[in-house]
Amino acid sequence: MSQKYLILTTIVLLAISFISLAYIESRAKDPNLNKDWWVLSFQDPHTSNLDFTIENHSNSNDFTYEITQDTNSILKESLNIPKGESKNISVPVNQNFTATKTIITAWTSEKDKKEIYK
């Protein structure tokens, strides 16, 4: 009788631990749950296209971005991106300007700053 009780207890404890680990793992995969981060990335990094995306999973909703080409600021804009959403930004192409270095800088209202280069 004690062997059956030991096996049954082991199976029940294993089932409880598997269910607990599955629940913890599913919560850890949620990008907005108790997390504070955001991403700045090009939509197509392998071409000369400057369109980019800001994905927000932070507590800040107010973002500002600036596009600089060869130390000349060509565009600066502020926008609101709610937590859990992303915003695609299309950069107008200036045909008369041939830049050797393009920097896109974005920052939050808390001055958390990120840059991407092309």
Protein backbone atom coordinates (compact mmCIF):
# COMPACT_ATOMS: atom_id res chain seq x y z
CA MET A 1 0.00 0.00 0.00
CA SER A 2 2.80 2.45 0.76
CA GLN A 3 4.34 1.99 -2.71
CA LYS A 4 1.05 2.90 -4.42
CA TYR A 5 0.70 5.92 -2.15
CA LEU A 6 4.27 7.04 -2.95
CA ILE A 7 3.75 6.66 -6.73
CA LEU A 8 0.40 8.48 -6.60
CA THR A 9 1.90 11.31 -4.52
CA THR A 10 4.82 11.65 -6.97
CA ILE A 11 2.46 11.83 -9.96
CA VAL A 12 0.27 14.46 -8.28
CA LEU A 13 3.30 16.59 -7.32
CA LEU A 14 4.70 16.33 -10.86
CA ALA A 15 1.34 17.40 -12.33
CA ILE A 16 1.16 20.39 -9.97
CA SER A 17 4.71 21.45 -10.82
CA PHE A 18 4.11 21.12 -14.59
CA ILE A 19 0.96 23.24 -14.37
CA SER A 20 2.76 25.85 -12.22
CA LEU A 21 5.71 26.05 -14.63
CA ALA A 22 3.39 26.38 -17.64
CA TYR A 23 1.55 29.25 -15.95
CA ILE A 24 4.81 31.04 -15.02
CA GLU A 25 6.18 30.60 -18.54
CA SER A 26 3.02 31.97 -20.18
CA ARG A 27 3.21 35.08 -17.97
CA ALA A 28 6.90 35.57 -18.77
CA LYS A 29 6.14 35.61 -22.51
CA ASP A 30 3.75 38.57 -22.17
CA PRO A 31 5.81 41.58 -23.37
CA ASN A 32 3.73 44.10 -21.41
CA LEU A 33 3.46 42.37 -18.03
CA ASN A 34 5.68 44.17 -15.48
CA LYS A 35 8.12 45.13 -18.21
CA ASP A 36 9.39 48.50 -19.39
CA TRP A 37 11.06 48.46 -22.82
CA TRP A 38 10.71 49.83 -26.33
CA VAL A 39 12.38 49.18 -29.68
CA LEU A 40 13.48 51.37 -32.58
CA SER A 41 14.15 49.46 -35.82
CA PHE A 42 14.26 49.87 -39.59
CA GLN A 43 11.43 48.23 -41.49
CA ASP A 44 13.87 47.04 -44.17
CA PRO A 45 17.48 47.30 -42.96
CA HIS A 46 19.03 45.90 -46.17
CA THR A 47 17.93 48.70 -48.54
CA SER A 48 18.35 52.46 -48.57
CA ASN A 49 14.73 52.85 -47.41
CA LEU A 50 14.63 54.90 -44.18
CA ASP A 51 11.15 53.85 -42.98
CA PHE A 52 11.30 52.71 -39.36
CA THR A 53 9.15 51.37 -36.54
CA ILE A 54 8.84 52.25 -32.86
CA GLU A 55 7.37 49.43 -30.78
CA ASN A 56 6.32 50.44 -27.27
CA HIS A 57 6.12 48.15 -24.27
CA SER A 58 7.10 50.84 -21.76
CA ASN A 59 5.22 53.01 -19.32
CA SER A 60 5.93 56.09 -21.43
CA ASN A 61 3.58 56.91 -24.31
CA ASP A 62 5.22 60.13 -25.54
CA PHE A 63 8.00 59.72 -28.10
CA THR A 64 10.04 62.16 -30.16
CA TYR A 65 12.18 61.21 -33.12
CA GLU A 66 14.68 63.12 -35.22
CA ILE A 67 16.22 62.19 -38.56
CA THR A 68 19.69 63.58 -39.18
CA GLN A 69 21.61 63.29 -42.44
CA ASP A 70 25.26 64.38 -42.47
CA THR A 71 24.75 66.48 -39.30
CA ASN A 72 21.71 68.26 -40.83
CA SER A 73 18.41 67.71 -39.04
CA ILE A 74 15.81 67.03 -41.73
CA LEU A 75 12.79 65.97 -39.66
CA LYS A 76 11.77 66.11 -36.00
CA GLU A 77 8.37 64.99 -34.76
CA SER A 78 6.62 64.00 -31.54
CA LEU A 79 4.01 61.27 -31.36
CA ASN A 80 1.99 59.21 -28.92
CA ILE A 81 2.28 55.41 -28.98
CA PRO A 82 0.22 53.54 -26.35
CA LYS A 83 1.75 50.62 -24.48
CA GLY A 84 1.58 47.39 -26.47
CA GLU A 85 1.37 49.08 -29.87
CA SER A 86 3.85 49.94 -32.60
CA LYS A 87 3.98 52.80 -35.07
CA ASN A 88 5.42 52.60 -38.58
CA ILE A 89 6.94 55.88 -39.73
CA SER A 90 7.49 56.55 -43.42
CA VAL A 91 10.37 58.90 -44.13
CA PRO A 92 9.89 61.20 -47.15
CA VAL A 93 12.65 60.75 -49.71
CA ASN A 94 14.55 63.91 -50.62
CA GLN A 95 15.80 63.43 -54.19
CA ASN A 96 18.29 66.34 -54.05
CA PHE A 97 20.11 65.13 -50.99
CA THR A 98 22.70 62.37 -51.08
CA ALA A 99 23.67 61.56 -47.53
CA THR A 100 26.67 59.54 -46.54
CA LYS A 101 25.39 58.98 -43.01
CA THR A 102 21.81 58.91 -41.75
CA ILE A 103 20.96 58.71 -38.05
CA ILE A 104 17.48 58.20 -36.67
CA THR A 105 17.25 59.08 -32.99
CA ALA A 106 14.18 58.46 -30.84
CA TRP A 107 13.61 59.22 -27.19
CA THR A 108 10.84 59.07 -24.63
CA SER A 109 9.56 61.79 -22.34
CA GLU A 110 11.86 60.27 -19.67
CA LYS A 111 14.86 60.89 -22.00
CA ASP A 112 15.49 57.19 -22.69
CA LYS A 113 17.26 57.49 -26.06
CA LYS A 114 17.99 55.03 -28.88
CA GLU A 115 19.69 55.51 -32.28
CA ILE A 116 19.82 53.56 -35.52
CA TYR A 117 22.22 54.26 -38.42
CA LYS A 118 22.17 53.79 -42.16
